[in-house]
Amino acid sequence: MTILYITGAGVSAASDIPTFRGQDGYWTIGSKNYTPMKMATRAMYKFNPHEFLAWYYHRFTTYRDYGPNEVHKWLSDKNVNTQNIDGLDGKAGNKNYIAIHGRLDQMTLYQKNGLPELIAAPWYKVDESRLNDSLLELFNIENKNPKVNRSFKPYVLLFDEYYTELYRFREAKQRMLNADKMVFIGTSFNVGITNMALQIAAEYNKLVEIVDPDPVALSIGNITYKKMAAIDYIQKMG
């Protein structure tokens, strides 16, 4: 049986990384002047790149000191599509997981079209004593004005962007089509990729398993609920 694991922020919670919609999550705290729904946009990058980059820099500083937990390690040899941008699946040794929303430790050339090369993001070089200026310099942004084909942006899917081949969208969808069973771990089903997976599961009558202490009730067939944390699930699975 071919199994595809689709993971969300709940998987990284055991690494002490806040879930987006939890009390301390980034979708809750936002920034001083903007809500998260406004911060994580291409428009914010274009018109307020210093605030945009500072917000993502603070997210990176949260992630960088944490390593993969036992769930990431258990998934390291498995077929994984993750919504997480923390890169912990890669740190756990998974060589071919798909980070459908990108990876915060990487950046790409700012382009309107095309598939730019992925480059290591320069977060470690940031001078916090002059945070905004340092970020703009490292991402090659002059006069607070990102330039197409010259400036860089974090490799993260933003709210006003679409799933594209840059994020391995076609391959991620093919994995869903090829799977006999899809196991959702730690996701709130509030993103497009999980909705697509559920539509495929319903259309092709695939097995679905949801692992979550408080799972969302879904109206599709062939579904099993595992009301437990991800760490308890993988311990039970062995």
C-alpha atoms as a PDB file:
ATOM      1  CA  MET A   1       0.000   0.000   0.000  1.00  0.00           C
ATOM      2  CA  THR A   2       1.303   3.443  -0.958  1.00  0.00           C
ATOM      3  CA  ILE A   3       0.884   5.902   1.922  1.00  0.00           C
ATOM      4  CA  LEU A   4       1.289   9.651   1.704  1.00  0.00           C
ATOM      5  CA  TYR A   5       1.775  11.627   4.909  1.00  0.00           C
ATOM      6  CA  ILE A   6       0.505  15.216   4.776  1.00  0.00           C
ATOM      7  CA  THR A   7       1.805  17.160   7.747  1.00  0.00           C
ATOM      8  CA  GLY A   8       1.166  20.515   9.358  1.00  0.00           C
ATOM      9  CA  ALA A   9       2.312  22.623  12.290  1.00  0.00           C
ATOM     10  CA  GLY A  10       1.197  20.019  14.828  1.00  0.00           C
ATOM     11  CA  VAL A  11       4.148  17.824  13.818  1.00  0.00           C
ATOM     12  CA  SER A  12       6.651  20.518  14.775  1.00  0.00           C
ATOM     13  CA  ALA A  13       4.878  21.353  18.041  1.00  0.00           C
ATOM     14  CA  ALA A  14       6.925  18.660  19.804  1.00  0.00           C
ATOM     15  CA  SER A  15      10.034  20.652  18.803  1.00  0.00           C
ATOM     16  CA  ASP A  16       8.543  23.604  20.742  1.00  0.00           C
ATOM     17  CA  ILE A  17       7.773  25.550  17.567  1.00  0.00           C
ATOM     18  CA  PRO A  18       4.441  27.389  18.052  1.00  0.00           C
ATOM     19  CA  THR A  19       1.601  26.317  15.805  1.00  0.00           C
ATOM     20  CA  PHE A  20       0.362  29.171  13.628  1.00  0.00           C
ATOM     21  CA  ARG A  21      -3.062  29.456  15.189  1.00  0.00           C
ATOM     22  CA  GLY A  22      -2.155  28.637  18.780  1.00  0.00           C
ATOM     23  CA  GLN A  23      -1.993  31.235  21.538  1.00  0.00           C
ATOM     24  CA  ASP A  24       1.616  32.104  20.707  1.00  0.00           C
ATOM     25  CA  GLY A  25       1.423  31.333  16.997  1.00  0.00           C
ATOM     26  CA  TYR A  26       2.533  33.682  14.270  1.00  0.00           C
ATOM     27  CA  TRP A  27      -0.927  33.855  12.742  1.00  0.00           C
ATOM     28  CA  THR A  28      -2.050  35.190  16.137  1.00  0.00           C
ATOM     29  CA  ILE A  29       0.644  37.658  17.121  1.00  0.00           C
ATOM     30  CA  GLY A  30       1.352  39.177  13.708  1.00  0.00           C
ATOM     31  CA  SER A  31       3.492  42.303  13.935  1.00  0.00           C
ATOM     32  CA  LYS A  32       3.183  45.681  15.629  1.00  0.00           C
ATOM     33  CA  ASN A  33       1.366  47.325  12.734  1.00  0.00           C
ATOM     34  CA  TYR A  34      -0.031  44.528  10.574  1.00  0.00           C
ATOM     35  CA  THR A  35      -2.011  41.321  10.925  1.00  0.00           C
ATOM     36  CA  PRO A  36      -0.362  38.091   9.741  1.00  0.00           C
ATOM     37  CA  MET A  37      -2.742  37.940   6.773  1.00  0.00           C
ATOM     38  CA  LYS A  38      -1.284  41.275   5.648  1.00  0.00           C
ATOM     39  CA  MET A  39       2.314  40.512   6.614  1.00  0.00           C
ATOM     40  CA  ALA A  40       2.681  37.287   4.640  1.00  0.00           C
ATOM     41  CA  THR A  41       1.945  38.775   1.236  1.00  0.00           C
ATOM     42  CA  ARG A  42       3.839  39.676  -1.884  1.00  0.00           C
ATOM     43  CA  ALA A  43       2.321  43.164  -1.614  1.00  0.00           C
ATOM     44  CA  MET A  44       3.938  43.665   1.814  1.00  0.00           C
ATOM     45  CA  TYR A  45       7.290  42.471   0.458  1.00  0.00           C
ATOM     46  CA  LYS A  46       7.001  44.928  -2.414  1.00  0.00           C
ATOM     47  CA  PHE A  47       5.867  48.027  -0.496  1.00  0.00           C
ATOM     48  CA  ASN A  48       7.231  47.424   3.035  1.00  0.00           C
ATOM     49  CA  PRO A  49      10.148  45.005   2.547  1.00  0.00           C
ATOM     50  CA  HIS A  50      11.864  46.009   5.812  1.00  0.00           C
ATOM     51  CA  GLU A  51       8.808  45.033   7.908  1.00  0.00           C
ATOM     52  CA  PHE A  52       8.210  41.911   5.824  1.00  0.00           C
ATOM     53  CA  LEU A  53      11.797  40.699   6.205  1.00  0.00           C
ATOM     54  CA  ALA A  54      11.966  41.588   9.900  1.00  0.00           C
ATOM     55  CA  TRP A  55       8.839  39.503  10.556  1.00  0.00           C
ATOM     56  CA  TYR A  56      10.266  36.503   8.746  1.00  0.00           C
ATOM     57  CA  TYR A  57      13.640  37.003  10.398  1.00  0.00           C
ATOM     58  CA  HIS A  58      12.006  36.714  13.822  1.00  0.00           C
ATOM     59  CA  ARG A  59      10.287  33.542  12.648  1.00  0.00           C
ATOM     60  CA  PHE A  60      13.638  32.152  11.528  1.00  0.00           C
ATOM     61  CA  THR A  61      15.262  32.941  14.875  1.00  0.00           C
ATOM     62  CA  THR A  62      12.483  30.900  16.472  1.00  0.00           C
ATOM     63  CA  TYR A  63      13.174  27.922  14.189  1.00  0.00           C
ATOM     64  CA  ARG A  64      16.960  27.893  13.953  1.00  0.00           C
ATOM     65  CA  ASP A  65      17.755  26.591  17.415  1.00  0.00           C
ATOM     66  CA  TYR A  66      15.299  23.706  17.265  1.00  0.00           C
ATOM     67  CA  GLY A  67      15.980  20.325  15.789  1.00  0.00           C
ATOM     68  CA  PRO A  68      13.679  17.616  14.473  1.00  0.00           C
ATOM     69  CA  ASN A  69      11.651  15.652  16.974  1.00  0.00           C
ATOM     70  CA  GLU A  70      10.792  11.960  17.038  1.00  0.00           C
ATOM     71  CA  VAL A  71       7.898  12.482  14.613  1.00  0.00           C
ATOM     72  CA  HIS A  72      10.157  14.038  11.961  1.00  0.00           C
ATOM     73  CA  LYS A  73      12.639  11.195  12.466  1.00  0.00           C
ATOM     74  CA  TRP A  74       9.899   8.570  12.109  1.00  0.00           C
ATOM     75  CA  LEU A  75       8.780  10.255   8.882  1.00  0.00           C
ATOM     76  CA  SER A  76      12.317  10.581   7.510  1.00  0.00           C
ATOM     77  CA  ASP A  77      12.062   7.545   5.210  1.00  0.00           C
ATOM     78  CA  LYS A  78       8.447   8.107   4.248  1.00  0.00           C
ATOM     79  CA  ASN A  79       6.487   9.846   1.522  1.00  0.00           C
ATOM     80  CA  VAL A  80       5.808  13.341   2.953  1.00  0.00           C
ATOM     81  CA  ASN A  81       4.119  16.503   1.726  1.00  0.00           C
ATOM     82  CA  THR A  82       4.453  19.118   4.464  1.00  0.00           C
ATOM     83  CA  GLN A  83       2.908  22.538   4.927  1.00  0.00           C
ATOM     84  CA  ASN A  84       5.689  23.488   7.344  1.00  0.00           C
ATOM     85  CA  ILE A  85       8.426  25.907   6.306  1.00  0.00           C
ATOM     86  CA  ASP A  86      10.759  25.128   9.230  1.00  0.00           C
ATOM     87  CA  GLY A  87      12.896  22.621   7.283  1.00  0.00           C
ATOM     88  CA  LEU A  88      12.874  20.083  10.122  1.00  0.00           C
ATOM     89  CA  ASP A  89      11.955  17.185   7.821  1.00  0.00           C
ATOM     90  CA  GLY A  90      15.185  17.816   5.950  1.00  0.00           C
ATOM     91  CA  LYS A  91      17.175  18.039   9.186  1.00  0.00           C
ATOM     92  CA  ALA A  92      15.694  14.659  10.149  1.00  0.00           C
ATOM     93  CA  GLY A  93      17.148  13.132   6.980  1.00  0.00           C
ATOM     94  CA  ASN A  94      14.184  13.022   4.608  1.00  0.00           C
ATOM     95  CA  LYS A  95      15.811  13.517   1.204  1.00  0.00           C
ATOM     96  CA  ASN A  96      12.702  13.934  -0.923  1.00  0.00           C
ATOM     97  CA  TYR A  97       9.961  15.478   1.149  1.00  0.00           C
ATOM     98  CA  ILE A  98       7.958  18.229  -0.530  1.00  0.00           C
ATOM     99  CA  ALA A  99       7.736  21.539   1.337  1.00  0.00           C
ATOM    100  CA  ILE A 100       4.638  22.729  -0.472  1.00  0.00           C
ATOM    101  CA  HIS A 101       4.720  26.142   1.247  1.00  0.00           C
ATOM    102  CA  GLY A 102       8.463  26.594   0.890  1.00  0.00           C
ATOM    103  CA  ARG A 103      11.370  26.671   3.334  1.00  0.00           C
ATOM    104  CA  LEU A 104      12.369  29.663   5.387  1.00  0.00           C
ATOM    105  CA  ASP A 105      16.060  28.725   5.310  1.00  0.00           C
ATOM    106  CA  GLN A 106      16.112  29.345   1.557  1.00  0.00           C
ATOM    107  CA  MET A 107      15.437  32.275  -0.772  1.00  0.00           C
ATOM    108  CA  THR A 108      14.836  32.833  -4.476  1.00  0.00           C
ATOM    109  CA  LEU A 109      15.414  35.599  -6.958  1.00  0.00           C
ATOM    110  CA  TYR A 110      12.436  37.963  -7.014  1.00  0.00           C
ATOM    111  CA  GLN A 111      10.705  37.165 -10.299  1.00  0.00           C
ATOM    112  CA  LYS A 112       7.227  37.534 -11.742  1.00  0.00           C
ATOM    113  CA  ASN A 113       7.483  34.275 -13.674  1.00  0.00           C
ATOM    114  CA  GLY A 114       9.869  31.360 -14.046  1.00  0.00           C
ATOM    115  CA  LEU A 115      11.524  28.967 -11.650  1.00  0.00           C
ATOM    116  CA  PRO A 116      14.476  30.692  -9.989  1.00  0.00           C
ATOM    117  CA  GLU A 117      17.230  28.733  -8.276  1.00  0.00           C
ATOM    118  CA  LEU A 118      16.926  28.075  -4.555  1.00  0.00           C
ATOM    119  CA  ILE A 119      19.680  29.720  -2.517  1.00  0.00           C
ATOM    120  CA  ALA A 120      20.506  29.542   1.192  1.00  0.00           C
ATOM    121  CA  ALA A 121      18.886  32.522   2.922  1.00  0.00           C
ATOM    122  CA  PRO A 122      21.343  34.866   4.700  1.00  0.00           C
ATOM    123  CA  TRP A 123      19.531  35.030   8.046  1.00  0.00           C
ATOM    124  CA  TYR A 124      22.675  34.106   9.993  1.00  0.00           C
ATOM    125  CA  LYS A 125      24.457  37.178   8.627  1.00  0.00           C
ATOM    126  CA  VAL A 126      21.867  39.661   9.912  1.00  0.00           C
ATOM    127  CA  ASP A 127      23.235  42.473  12.085  1.00  0.00           C
ATOM    128  CA  GLU A 128      20.528  42.972  14.712  1.00  0.00           C
ATOM    129  CA  SER A 129      22.004  46.311  15.804  1.00  0.00           C
ATOM    130  CA  ARG A 130      20.846  47.703  12.437  1.00  0.00           C
ATOM    131  CA  LEU A 131      18.181  45.131  11.681  1.00  0.00           C
ATOM    132  CA  ASN A 132      16.176  46.771   8.898  1.00  0.00           C
ATOM    133  CA  ASP A 133      19.138  48.087   6.919  1.00  0.00           C
ATOM    134  CA  SER A 134      21.004  44.813   7.318  1.00  0.00           C
ATOM    135  CA  LEU A 135      18.060  42.781   6.002  1.00  0.00           C
ATOM    136  CA  LEU A 136      17.575  45.060   3.005  1.00  0.00           C
ATOM    137  CA  GLU A 137      21.254  44.801   2.126  1.00  0.00           C
ATOM    138  CA  LEU A 138      21.364  41.014   2.449  1.00  0.00           C
ATOM    139  CA  PHE A 139      18.290  40.586   0.243  1.00  0.00           C
ATOM    140  CA  ASN A 140      19.698  43.103  -2.254  1.00  0.00           C
ATOM    141  CA  ILE A 141      16.909  45.655  -1.871  1.00  0.00           C
ATOM    142  CA  GLU A 142      17.842  49.284  -2.498  1.00  0.00           C
ATOM    143  CA  ASN A 143      15.781  52.282  -1.337  1.00  0.00           C
ATOM    144  CA  LYS A 144      13.202  49.898   0.155  1.00  0.00           C
ATOM    145  CA  ASN A 145      12.211  48.947  -3.374  1.00  0.00           C
ATOM    146  CA  PRO A 146      12.637  45.301  -4.448  1.00  0.00           C
ATOM    147  CA  LYS A 147      13.747  44.947  -8.056  1.00  0.00           C
ATOM    148  CA  VAL A 148      12.602  42.081 -10.297  1.00  0.00           C
ATOM    149  CA  ASN A 149      15.480  39.762 -11.287  1.00  0.00           C
ATOM    150  CA  ARG A 150      17.797  41.522  -8.832  1.00  0.00           C
ATOM    151  CA  SER A 151      16.409  41.382  -5.299  1.00  0.00           C
ATOM    152  CA  PHE A 152      15.737  38.215  -3.296  1.00  0.00           C
ATOM    153  CA  LYS A 153      12.717  37.053  -1.315  1.00  0.00           C
ATOM    154  CA  PRO A 154      12.308  34.234   1.195  1.00  0.00           C
ATOM    155  CA  TYR A 155      11.269  30.930  -0.338  1.00  0.00           C
ATOM    156  CA  VAL A 156       7.817  30.923   1.236  1.00  0.00           C
ATOM    157  CA  LEU A 157       4.394  30.733  -0.381  1.00  0.00           C
ATOM    158  CA  LEU A 158       2.519  33.939   0.412  1.00  0.00           C
ATOM    159  CA  PHE A 159      -1.204  34.557   0.716  1.00  0.00           C
ATOM    160  CA  ASP A 160      -1.396  36.463  -2.563  1.00  0.00           C
ATOM    161  CA  GLU A 161       0.624  33.852  -4.469  1.00  0.00           C
ATOM    162  CA  TYR A 162      -0.403  30.561  -6.067  1.00  0.00           C
ATOM    163  CA  TYR A 163       0.880  27.007  -5.830  1.00  0.00           C
ATOM    164  CA  THR A 164       3.363  26.712  -8.706  1.00  0.00           C
ATOM    165  CA  GLU A 165       6.115  24.405  -9.889  1.00  0.00           C
ATOM    166  CA  LEU A 166       8.533  26.426  -7.746  1.00  0.00           C
ATOM    167  CA  TYR A 167       6.864  24.656  -4.818  1.00  0.00           C
ATOM    168  CA  ARG A 168       6.749  21.287  -6.622  1.00  0.00           C
ATOM    169  CA  PHE A 169       2.981  21.562  -6.947  1.00  0.00           C
ATOM    170  CA  ARG A 170       2.587  19.063  -9.793  1.00  0.00           C
ATOM    171  CA  GLU A 171       4.667  16.446  -7.997  1.00  0.00           C
ATOM    172  CA  ALA A 172       2.778  17.015  -4.749  1.00  0.00           C
ATOM    173  CA  LYS A 173      -0.530  16.467  -6.539  1.00  0.00           C
ATOM    174  CA  GLN A 174       0.784  13.344  -8.289  1.00  0.00           C
ATOM    175  CA  ARG A 175       1.739  11.889  -4.921  1.00  0.00           C
ATOM    176  CA  MET A 176      -1.861  12.349  -3.811  1.00  0.00           C
ATOM    177  CA  LEU A 177      -3.144  10.631  -6.938  1.00  0.00           C
ATOM    178  CA  ASN A 178      -0.694   7.727  -6.507  1.00  0.00           C
ATOM    179  CA  ALA A 179      -1.437   7.152  -2.834  1.00  0.00           C
ATOM    180  CA  ASP A 180      -3.763   4.402  -1.677  1.00  0.00           C
ATOM    181  CA  LYS A 181      -4.018   6.114   1.695  1.00  0.00           C
ATOM    182  CA  MET A 182      -3.421   9.675   2.899  1.00  0.00           C
ATOM    183  CA  VAL A 183      -2.539  10.286   6.535  1.00  0.00           C
ATOM    184  CA  PHE A 184      -2.990  13.851   7.769  1.00  0.00           C
ATOM    185  CA  ILE A 185      -0.929  14.686  10.849  1.00  0.00           C
ATOM    186  CA  GLY A 186      -1.242  17.943  12.770  1.00  0.00           C
ATOM    187  CA  THR A 187      -3.065  20.016  10.169  1.00  0.00           C
ATOM    188  CA  SER A 188      -6.080  22.278  10.660  1.00  0.00           C
ATOM    189  CA  PHE A 189      -7.276  21.880   7.027  1.00  0.00           C
ATOM    190  CA  ASN A 190      -7.221  25.654   6.513  1.00  0.00           C
ATOM    191  CA  VAL A 191      -4.960  25.659   3.457  1.00  0.00           C
ATOM    192  CA  GLY A 192      -5.500  24.942  -0.208  1.00  0.00           C
ATOM    193  CA  ILE A 193      -3.266  21.900  -0.442  1.00  0.00           C
ATOM    194  CA  THR A 194      -5.213  19.926   2.187  1.00  0.00           C
ATOM    195  CA  ASN A 195      -8.485  20.814   0.489  1.00  0.00           C
ATOM    196  CA  MET A 196      -7.099  19.478  -2.775  1.00  0.00           C
ATOM    197  CA  ALA A 197      -5.962  16.282  -1.075  1.00  0.00           C
ATOM    198  CA  LEU A 198      -9.410  15.735   0.431  1.00  0.00           C
ATOM    199  CA  GLN A 199     -11.078  16.325  -2.931  1.00  0.00           C
ATOM    200  CA  ILE A 200      -8.806  13.736  -4.532  1.00  0.00           C
ATOM    201  CA  ALA A 201      -9.458  11.305  -1.692  1.00  0.00           C
ATOM    202  CA  ALA A 202     -13.209  11.707  -2.102  1.00  0.00           C
ATOM    203  CA  GLU A 203     -13.158  11.474  -5.903  1.00  0.00           C
ATOM    204  CA  TYR A 204     -11.003   8.341  -5.998  1.00  0.00           C
ATOM    205  CA  ASN A 205     -12.370   6.752  -2.826  1.00  0.00           C
ATOM    206  CA  LYS A 206      -8.982   6.679  -1.122  1.00  0.00           C
ATOM    207  CA  LEU A 207      -8.413   5.797   2.520  1.00  0.00           C
ATOM    208  CA  VAL A 208      -7.965   8.792   4.830  1.00  0.00           C
ATOM    209  CA  GLU A 209      -6.576   8.881   8.344  1.00  0.00           C
ATOM    210  CA  ILE A 210      -6.509  12.015  10.514  1.00  0.00           C
ATOM    211  CA  VAL A 211      -4.125  12.228  13.444  1.00  0.00           C
ATOM    212  CA  ASP A 212      -5.005  15.081  15.804  1.00  0.00           C
ATOM    213  CA  PRO A 213      -5.982  15.396  19.494  1.00  0.00           C
ATOM    214  CA  ASP A 214      -9.011  17.429  18.422  1.00  0.00           C
ATOM    215  CA  PRO A 215      -9.625  16.507  14.778  1.00  0.00           C
ATOM    216  CA  VAL A 216     -11.803  18.399  12.358  1.00  0.00           C
ATOM    217  CA  ALA A 217     -14.885  16.378  11.402  1.00  0.00           C
ATOM    218  CA  LEU A 218     -14.955  15.767   7.652  1.00  0.00           C
ATOM    219  CA  SER A 219     -17.804  14.544   5.481  1.00  0.00           C
ATOM    220  CA  ILE A 220     -16.023  12.057   3.240  1.00  0.00           C
ATOM    221  CA  GLY A 221     -16.023   8.286   3.189  1.00  0.00           C
ATOM    222  CA  ASN A 222     -13.267   5.858   4.190  1.00  0.00           C
ATOM    223  CA  ILE A 223     -12.020   8.106   6.987  1.00  0.00           C
ATOM    224  CA  THR A 224     -10.484   7.084  10.317  1.00  0.00           C
ATOM    225  CA  TYR A 225      -9.767   9.437  13.207  1.00  0.00           C
ATOM    226  CA  LYS A 226      -6.820   8.983  15.545  1.00  0.00           C
ATOM    227  CA  LYS A 227      -7.537  11.373  18.424  1.00  0.00           C
ATOM    228  CA  MET A 228      -3.991  11.743  19.680  1.00  0.00           C
ATOM    229  CA  ALA A 229      -0.883  13.864  19.364  1.00  0.00           C
ATOM    230  CA  ALA A 230       1.557  13.049  16.570  1.00  0.00           C
ATOM    231  CA  ILE A 231       4.182  11.786  19.022  1.00  0.00           C
ATOM    232  CA  ASP A 232       1.678   9.317  20.525  1.00  0.00           C
ATOM    233  CA  TYR A 233       0.680   8.155  17.057  1.00  0.00           C
ATOM    234  CA  ILE A 234       4.202   7.265  15.934  1.00  0.00           C
ATOM    235  CA  GLN A 235       4.889   5.499  19.237  1.00  0.00           C
ATOM    236  CA  LYS A 236       1.795   3.403  18.695  1.00  0.00           C
ATOM    237  CA  MET A 237       2.783   2.686  15.105  1.00  0.00           C
ATOM    238  CA  GLY A 238       6.272   1.632  16.187  1.00  0.00           C
END
